[in-house]
C-alpha atoms as a PDB file:
ATOM      1  CA  MET A   1     -23.882  11.772 -22.166  1.00  0.00           C
ATOM      2  CA  ALA A   2     -19.945  12.288 -21.264  1.00  0.00           C
ATOM      3  CA  ARG A   3     -19.406   8.755 -19.729  1.00  0.00           C
ATOM      4  CA  ASN A   4     -21.110   7.438 -23.282  1.00  0.00           C
ATOM      5  CA  LYS A   5     -19.071   9.165 -25.370  1.00  0.00           C
ATOM      6  CA  TYR A   6     -15.684   9.264 -23.373  1.00  0.00           C
ATOM      7  CA  PRO A   7     -15.777   6.933 -20.806  1.00  0.00           C
ATOM      8  CA  GLU A   8     -12.161   6.408 -20.175  1.00  0.00           C
ATOM      9  CA  GLU A   9     -11.846   9.905 -19.655  1.00  0.00           C
ATOM     10  CA  THR A  10     -14.847  10.480 -17.225  1.00  0.00           C
ATOM     11  CA  ARG A  11     -13.456   7.452 -15.036  1.00  0.00           C
ATOM     12  CA  ASN A  12      -9.962   9.207 -15.084  1.00  0.00           C
ATOM     13  CA  LEU A  13     -11.803  12.116 -14.126  1.00  0.00           C
ATOM     14  CA  ILE A  14     -13.662  10.537 -11.205  1.00  0.00           C
ATOM     15  CA  ILE A  15     -10.181   9.507  -9.753  1.00  0.00           C
ATOM     16  CA  ASP A  16      -8.350  12.622  -9.802  1.00  0.00           C
ATOM     17  CA  THR A  17     -11.339  14.409  -8.439  1.00  0.00           C
ATOM     18  CA  ALA A  18     -11.494  11.529  -5.580  1.00  0.00           C
ATOM     19  CA  ALA A  19      -7.979  11.322  -5.163  1.00  0.00           C
ATOM     20  CA  ARG A  20      -7.908  15.286  -4.474  1.00  0.00           C
ATOM     21  CA  LEU A  21     -10.550  15.077  -2.076  1.00  0.00           C
ATOM     22  CA  PHE A  22      -9.688  12.081  -0.173  1.00  0.00           C
ATOM     23  CA  THR A  23      -6.178  14.357   0.562  1.00  0.00           C
ATOM     24  CA  GLU A  24      -7.780  17.299   1.411  1.00  0.00           C
ATOM     25  CA  LYS A  25     -10.921  16.176   3.501  1.00  0.00           C
ATOM     26  CA  GLY A  26      -9.741  12.687   4.388  1.00  0.00           C
ATOM     27  CA  TYR A  27     -11.312   9.325   3.242  1.00  0.00           C
ATOM     28  CA  GLU A  28     -13.894   9.034   6.147  1.00  0.00           C
ATOM     29  CA  HIS A  29     -15.005  12.757   5.286  1.00  0.00           C
ATOM     30  CA  THR A  30     -15.519  12.485   1.808  1.00  0.00           C
ATOM     31  CA  SER A  31     -18.981  11.196   0.512  1.00  0.00           C
ATOM     32  CA  ILE A  32     -20.097   9.912  -2.847  1.00  0.00           C
ATOM     33  CA  GLN A  33     -21.883  13.296  -2.941  1.00  0.00           C
ATOM     34  CA  ASP A  34     -18.951  15.350  -2.306  1.00  0.00           C
ATOM     35  CA  ILE A  35     -17.119  13.792  -5.150  1.00  0.00           C
ATOM     36  CA  ILE A  36     -20.661  14.340  -7.594  1.00  0.00           C
ATOM     37  CA  ASP A  37     -19.997  18.182  -6.796  1.00  0.00           C
ATOM     38  CA  HIS A  38     -16.995  18.323  -7.785  1.00  0.00           C
ATOM     39  CA  LEU A  39     -17.107  16.731 -10.942  1.00  0.00           C
ATOM     40  CA  GLY A  40     -18.155  19.976 -13.365  1.00  0.00           C
ATOM     41  CA  GLY A  41     -21.923  18.855 -13.584  1.00  0.00           C
ATOM     42  CA  LEU A  42     -21.831  15.273 -14.458  1.00  0.00           C
ATOM     43  CA  SER A  43     -24.336  12.490 -12.716  1.00  0.00           C
ATOM     44  CA  LYS A  44     -24.542   9.904 -10.274  1.00  0.00           C
ATOM     45  CA  GLY A  45     -25.290   7.734 -12.615  1.00  0.00           C
ATOM     46  CA  ALA A  46     -21.652   8.618 -13.984  1.00  0.00           C
ATOM     47  CA  ILE A  47     -20.150   7.313 -10.918  1.00  0.00           C
ATOM     48  CA  TYR A  48     -21.999   4.542 -10.713  1.00  0.00           C
ATOM     49  CA  TYR A  49     -21.412   3.556 -14.061  1.00  0.00           C
ATOM     50  CA  HIS A  50     -17.931   3.241 -13.502  1.00  0.00           C
ATOM     51  CA  PHE A  51     -17.523   2.423  -9.722  1.00  0.00           C
ATOM     52  CA  LYS A  52     -20.472   0.890  -7.413  1.00  0.00           C
ATOM     53  CA  SER A  53     -18.982   2.378  -4.203  1.00  0.00           C
ATOM     54  CA  LYS A  54     -16.369   4.617  -2.792  1.00  0.00           C
ATOM     55  CA  GLU A  55     -14.368   1.529  -1.743  1.00  0.00           C
ATOM     56  CA  GLU A  56     -14.140   0.939  -5.107  1.00  0.00           C
ATOM     57  CA  ILE A  57     -13.074   4.312  -5.994  1.00  0.00           C
ATOM     58  CA  MET A  58     -10.435   4.300  -3.182  1.00  0.00           C
ATOM     59  CA  ASN A  59      -8.763   1.339  -4.693  1.00  0.00           C
ATOM     60  CA  ALA A  60      -8.896   2.938  -7.870  1.00  0.00           C
ATOM     61  CA  VAL A  61      -6.962   5.927  -6.504  1.00  0.00           C
ATOM     62  CA  ALA A  62      -4.455   3.639  -4.690  1.00  0.00           C
ATOM     63  CA  ASP A  63      -3.538   1.615  -7.894  1.00  0.00           C
ATOM     64  CA  ARG A  64      -3.078   4.946  -9.776  1.00  0.00           C
ATOM     65  CA  MET A  65      -0.940   6.405  -6.521  1.00  0.00           C
ATOM     66  CA  TYR A  66       0.990   3.046  -6.455  1.00  0.00           C
ATOM     67  CA  SER A  67       1.809   2.454 -10.052  1.00  0.00           C
ATOM     68  CA  PRO A  68       4.879   4.262 -10.813  1.00  0.00           C
ATOM     69  CA  SER A  69       6.519   2.240  -7.783  1.00  0.00           C
ATOM     70  CA  ASN A  70       5.057  -1.043  -8.366  1.00  0.00           C
ATOM     71  CA  GLN A  71       7.086  -0.837 -12.009  1.00  0.00           C
ATOM     72  CA  LYS A  72      10.195   0.030  -9.720  1.00  0.00           C
ATOM     73  CA  LEU A  73       9.809  -3.156  -7.955  1.00  0.00           C
ATOM     74  CA  TYR A  74       9.276  -5.401 -11.163  1.00  0.00           C
ATOM     75  CA  GLN A  75      12.461  -3.698 -12.511  1.00  0.00           C
ATOM     76  CA  ILE A  76      14.178  -4.773  -9.062  1.00  0.00           C
ATOM     77  CA  CYS A  77      13.207  -8.063  -9.455  1.00  0.00           C
ATOM     78  CA  LYS A  78      14.856  -8.296 -13.089  1.00  0.00           C
ATOM     79  CA  ARG A  79      18.130  -6.897 -12.126  1.00  0.00           C
ATOM     80  CA  THR A  80      21.188  -9.209 -12.883  1.00  0.00           C
ATOM     81  CA  ASP A  81      23.664  -6.994 -10.417  1.00  0.00           C
ATOM     82  CA  LEU A  82      21.676  -8.268  -7.606  1.00  0.00           C
ATOM     83  CA  ASN A  83      21.659 -11.594  -5.312  1.00  0.00           C
ATOM     84  CA  GLY A  84      18.416 -12.579  -4.094  1.00  0.00           C
ATOM     85  CA  LEU A  85      19.399 -11.178  -0.675  1.00  0.00           C
ATOM     86  CA  GLU A  86      20.357  -7.871  -1.835  1.00  0.00           C
ATOM     87  CA  LYS A  87      16.973  -7.523  -3.888  1.00  0.00           C
ATOM     88  CA  LEU A  88      14.895  -8.375  -0.981  1.00  0.00           C
ATOM     89  CA  LYS A  89      16.774  -5.662   0.776  1.00  0.00           C
ATOM     90  CA  GLU A  90      16.109  -3.065  -1.841  1.00  0.00           C
ATOM     91  CA  ILE A  91      12.310  -4.082  -2.448  1.00  0.00           C
ATOM     92  CA  PHE A  92      11.727  -3.240   1.061  1.00  0.00           C
ATOM     93  CA  ARG A  93      13.681  -0.364   0.897  1.00  0.00           C
ATOM     94  CA  THR A  94      11.779   1.432  -2.060  1.00  0.00           C
ATOM     95  CA  SER A  95       8.430   0.121  -0.447  1.00  0.00           C
ATOM     96  CA  ALA A  96       9.523   2.231   2.790  1.00  0.00           C
ATOM     97  CA  PHE A  97      10.057   5.509   0.839  1.00  0.00           C
ATOM     98  CA  ASN A  98       7.257   5.156  -1.601  1.00  0.00           C
ATOM     99  CA  PRO A  99       5.857   8.602  -1.721  1.00  0.00           C
ATOM    100  CA  ALA A 100       2.262   7.426  -2.539  1.00  0.00           C
ATOM    101  CA  HIS A 101       2.502   6.300   1.172  1.00  0.00           C
ATOM    102  CA  LYS A 102       2.392   9.975   1.878  1.00  0.00           C
ATOM    103  CA  ASN A 103      -0.434  10.082  -0.133  1.00  0.00           C
ATOM    104  CA  MET A 104      -2.294   7.683   1.377  1.00  0.00           C
ATOM    105  CA  PHE A 105      -2.020   7.972   5.164  1.00  0.00           C
ATOM    106  CA  VAL A 106      -2.647  11.498   4.429  1.00  0.00           C
ATOM    107  CA  ALA A 107      -6.247  10.349   3.146  1.00  0.00           C
ATOM    108  CA  ALA A 108      -6.094   8.250   6.014  1.00  0.00           C
ATOM    109  CA  PRO A 109      -8.763   5.523   5.418  1.00  0.00           C
ATOM    110  CA  ASP A 110      -9.696   3.386   8.288  1.00  0.00           C
ATOM    111  CA  MET A 111      -9.627  -0.255   7.454  1.00  0.00           C
ATOM    112  CA  MET A 112     -11.311  -1.998  10.060  1.00  0.00           C
ATOM    113  CA  LYS A 113     -14.325   0.536   9.364  1.00  0.00           C
ATOM    114  CA  ASN A 114     -14.382  -0.269   5.374  1.00  0.00           C
ATOM    115  CA  PRO A 115     -14.061  -3.964   5.229  1.00  0.00           C
ATOM    116  CA  GLN A 116     -14.013  -3.889   1.443  1.00  0.00           C
ATOM    117  CA  LEU A 117     -11.064  -1.612   1.441  1.00  0.00           C
ATOM    118  CA  LEU A 118      -9.382  -4.394   3.547  1.00  0.00           C
ATOM    119  CA  ARG A 119     -10.582  -7.088   1.523  1.00  0.00           C
ATOM    120  CA  LEU A 120      -8.879  -5.771  -1.712  1.00  0.00           C
ATOM    121  CA  LEU A 121      -5.660  -5.464   0.403  1.00  0.00           C
ATOM    122  CA  LEU A 122      -5.801  -8.926   1.390  1.00  0.00           C
ATOM    123  CA  ASN A 123      -6.801 -10.316  -1.968  1.00  0.00           C
ATOM    124  CA  GLU A 124      -3.426  -8.107  -3.317  1.00  0.00           C
ATOM    125  CA  THR A 125      -1.632  -9.506  -0.240  1.00  0.00           C
ATOM    126  CA  GLN A 126      -2.364 -12.730  -1.273  1.00  0.00           C
ATOM    127  CA  THR A 127      -1.029 -12.610  -4.934  1.00  0.00           C
ATOM    128  CA  GLU A 128       1.290 -10.352  -6.858  1.00  0.00           C
ATOM    129  CA  SER A 129       3.370  -9.299  -4.173  1.00  0.00           C
ATOM    130  CA  VAL A 130       3.561 -12.943  -2.742  1.00  0.00           C
ATOM    131  CA  ASP A 131       4.709 -14.388  -6.178  1.00  0.00           C
ATOM    132  CA  MET A 132       7.375 -11.357  -6.327  1.00  0.00           C
ATOM    133  CA  VAL A 133       8.976 -11.895  -2.760  1.00  0.00           C
ATOM    134  CA  GLN A 134       8.590 -15.892  -3.093  1.00  0.00           C
ATOM    135  CA  LYS A 135      10.430 -15.393  -6.969  1.00  0.00           C
ATOM    136  CA  ILE A 136      13.390 -13.230  -5.190  1.00  0.00           C
ATOM    137  CA  LEU A 137      13.260 -15.868  -1.920  1.00  0.00           C
ATOM    138  CA  GLU A 138      13.952 -18.580  -4.414  1.00  0.00           C
ATOM    139  CA  GLU A 139      16.957 -16.942  -6.070  1.00  0.00           C
ATOM    140  CA  GLY A 140      18.369 -16.010  -2.260  1.00  0.00           C
ATOM    141  CA  ILE A 141      18.234 -20.029  -1.546  1.00  0.00           C
ATOM    142  CA  ALA A 142      19.936 -20.626  -5.138  1.00  0.00           C
ATOM    143  CA  ASP A 143      22.718 -17.957  -4.065  1.00  0.00           C
ATOM    144  CA  GLY A 144      23.043 -20.007  -0.613  1.00  0.00           C
ATOM    145  CA  LEU A 145      22.088 -16.707   1.198  1.00  0.00           C
ATOM    146  CA  ILE A 146      18.931 -17.450   2.298  1.00  0.00           C
ATOM    147  CA  ARG A 147      18.255 -20.499   4.183  1.00  0.00           C
ATOM    148  CA  THR A 148      14.349 -21.650   4.156  1.00  0.00           C
ATOM    149  CA  GLU A 149      12.813 -24.945   2.839  1.00  0.00           C
ATOM    150  CA  PHE A 150       9.426 -22.809   2.889  1.00  0.00           C
ATOM    151  CA  PRO A 151      10.121 -19.834   0.407  1.00  0.00           C
ATOM    152  CA  ARG A 152       6.135 -19.546  -0.585  1.00  0.00           C
ATOM    153  CA  GLU A 153       5.174 -19.380   3.632  1.00  0.00           C
ATOM    154  CA  LEU A 154       8.191 -17.209   3.853  1.00  0.00           C
ATOM    155  CA  ALA A 155       6.812 -15.040   1.213  1.00  0.00           C
ATOM    156  CA  GLU A 156       3.306 -14.618   2.500  1.00  0.00           C
ATOM    157  CA  VAL A 157       4.324 -14.261   6.376  1.00  0.00           C
ATOM    158  CA  LEU A 158       6.950 -11.206   4.940  1.00  0.00           C
ATOM    159  CA  MET A 159       3.453  -9.494   2.980  1.00  0.00           C
ATOM    160  CA  LEU A 160       1.092 -10.014   5.996  1.00  0.00           C
ATOM    161  CA  VAL A 161       3.470  -8.229   8.333  1.00  0.00           C
ATOM    162  CA  SER A 162       4.650  -5.854   6.470  1.00  0.00           C
ATOM    163  CA  ASN A 163       1.127  -5.043   4.512  1.00  0.00           C
ATOM    164  CA  VAL A 164      -1.359  -5.628   7.869  1.00  0.00           C
ATOM    165  CA  TRP A 165       0.794  -6.172  10.850  1.00  0.00           C
ATOM    166  CA  LEU A 166       2.621  -2.912  10.722  1.00  0.00           C
ATOM    167  CA  ASN A 167      -0.536  -0.603   8.777  1.00  0.00           C
ATOM    168  CA  PRO A 168      -1.598   1.795  11.108  1.00  0.00           C
ATOM    169  CA  MET A 169      -4.514   2.040   8.946  1.00  0.00           C
ATOM    170  CA  ILE A 170      -5.294  -1.793  10.296  1.00  0.00           C
ATOM    171  CA  TYR A 171      -3.800  -2.046  13.752  1.00  0.00           C
ATOM    172  CA  HIS A 172      -4.076   1.830  14.937  1.00  0.00           C
ATOM    173  CA  SER A 173      -0.684   1.557  16.873  1.00  0.00           C
ATOM    174  CA  SER A 174       0.846   4.865  18.221  1.00  0.00           C
ATOM    175  CA  LEU A 175       4.011   5.847  17.448  1.00  0.00           C
ATOM    176  CA  GLU A 176       5.437   3.997  20.507  1.00  0.00           C
ATOM    177  CA  GLU A 177       3.866   0.512  19.738  1.00  0.00           C
ATOM    178  CA  THR A 178       4.700   0.776  16.207  1.00  0.00           C
ATOM    179  CA  VAL A 179       8.232   1.573  17.306  1.00  0.00           C
ATOM    180  CA  HIS A 180       8.192  -1.694  19.253  1.00  0.00           C
ATOM    181  CA  LYS A 181       6.614  -3.665  16.199  1.00  0.00           C
ATOM    182  CA  LEU A 182       9.684  -2.472  13.632  1.00  0.00           C
ATOM    183  CA  LYS A 183      12.187  -3.325  16.483  1.00  0.00           C
ATOM    184  CA  PHE A 184      10.595  -6.869  16.702  1.00  0.00           C
ATOM    185  CA  TYR A 185      10.046  -7.057  13.136  1.00  0.00           C
ATOM    186  CA  GLN A 186      13.646  -6.235  12.319  1.00  0.00           C
ATOM    187  CA  TYR A 187      14.872  -9.052  15.062  1.00  0.00           C
ATOM    188  CA  THR A 188      12.811 -11.571  13.715  1.00  0.00           C
ATOM    189  CA  LEU A 189      14.237 -11.330  10.150  1.00  0.00           C
ATOM    190  CA  LYS A 190      17.517 -11.185  11.261  1.00  0.00           C
ATOM    191  CA  LEU A 191      16.900 -14.550  13.218  1.00  0.00           C
ATOM    192  CA  TRP A 192      16.013 -15.584   9.680  1.00  0.00           C
ATOM    193  CA  GLY A 193      19.139 -14.815   7.984  1.00  0.00           C
ATOM    194  CA  LEU A 194      17.373 -11.668   6.427  1.00  0.00           C
ATOM    195  CA  ASP A 195      18.969  -8.530   7.510  1.00  0.00           C
ATOM    196  CA  ILE A 196      16.956  -6.154   4.878  1.00  0.00           C
ATOM    197  CA  LEU A 197      15.854  -3.399   7.400  1.00  0.00           C
ATOM    198  CA  ASP A 198      18.104  -1.058   8.232  1.00  0.00           C
ATOM    199  CA  ASP A 199      17.232   2.220  10.430  1.00  0.00           C
ATOM    200  CA  GLU A 200      16.379   4.872   7.791  1.00  0.00           C
ATOM    201  CA  VAL A 201      13.516   2.032   6.652  1.00  0.00           C
ATOM    202  CA  ILE A 202      12.648   1.744   9.986  1.00  0.00           C
ATOM    203  CA  ALA A 203      12.954   5.659  10.744  1.00  0.00           C
ATOM    204  CA  SER A 204      10.259   6.269   7.508  1.00  0.00           C
ATOM    205  CA  LEU A 205       8.027   3.252   8.707  1.00  0.00           C
ATOM    206  CA  GLU A 206       7.407   5.127  11.717  1.00  0.00           C
ATOM    207  CA  GLY A 207       6.675   8.467  10.000  1.00  0.00           C
ATOM    208  CA  TYR A 208       3.891   6.815   8.343  1.00  0.00           C
ATOM    209  CA  THR A 209       2.190   5.898  11.957  1.00  0.00           C
ATOM    210  CA  VAL A 210       3.072   9.526  12.960  1.00  0.00           C
ATOM    211  CA  LEU A 211       1.303  10.831   9.763  1.00  0.00           C
ATOM    212  CA  TYR A 212      -1.995   8.941   9.947  1.00  0.00           C
ATOM    213  CA  ASN A 213      -2.047   9.517  13.637  1.00  0.00           C
ATOM    214  CA  GLN A 214      -1.790  13.239  13.248  1.00  0.00           C
ATOM    215  CA  LYS A 215      -4.896  12.868  10.492  1.00  0.00           C
ATOM    216  CA  LYS A 216      -7.103  10.928  12.291  1.00  0.00           C
ATOM    217  CA  GLY A 217      -6.660  13.243  15.108  1.00  0.00           C
ATOM    218  CA  GLU A 218      -7.301  16.127  12.760  1.00  0.00           C
ATOM    219  CA  GLU A 219     -10.438  14.355  11.807  1.00  0.00           C
ATOM    220  CA  GLU A 220     -11.855  13.712  15.237  1.00  0.00           C
END
């Protein structure tokens, strides 16, 4: 009944409840039944009316978490007081200090055990994020501060490395392994003329690996 009269309210309740449980118990240890048990009497049908699976719920939770920061990224792209290289550095810095990352790594979904989540992440890596970075790279090329004949391909590589290769939810790296990866990435970026990862950004990214590994350790 509730889902028919107030579908948006029901959907929001499911997302809010799931987000809290994922944070408290971890994604792997939260079942659809756990979510149902905390929905104040709503039925399993109410969930499946809005979401086909737990992975779809997690994707909706992530969209909710990252929506404010995504707006900040779009605002950076529109700024006229920064050149292309400065915009790229600001994009990476804003992403690294995104408060939503903490909640995501506390929820600790293991992407390798959840192929649908991995597919959703890869789809995002291939679309809007790449378009945004490509546009910034092209501005940098026009400024003369970024040199590449392959802005699209470079944008795809930057997103794949940042969102996949450096992601402990996909590559289960120790802190030491993450440190080496980040140093290599920083070195490679400089070879491309993209000095966009400073020590504070690197420290923030290392911290997410620590947080994720701590959460996984608690669950095991």
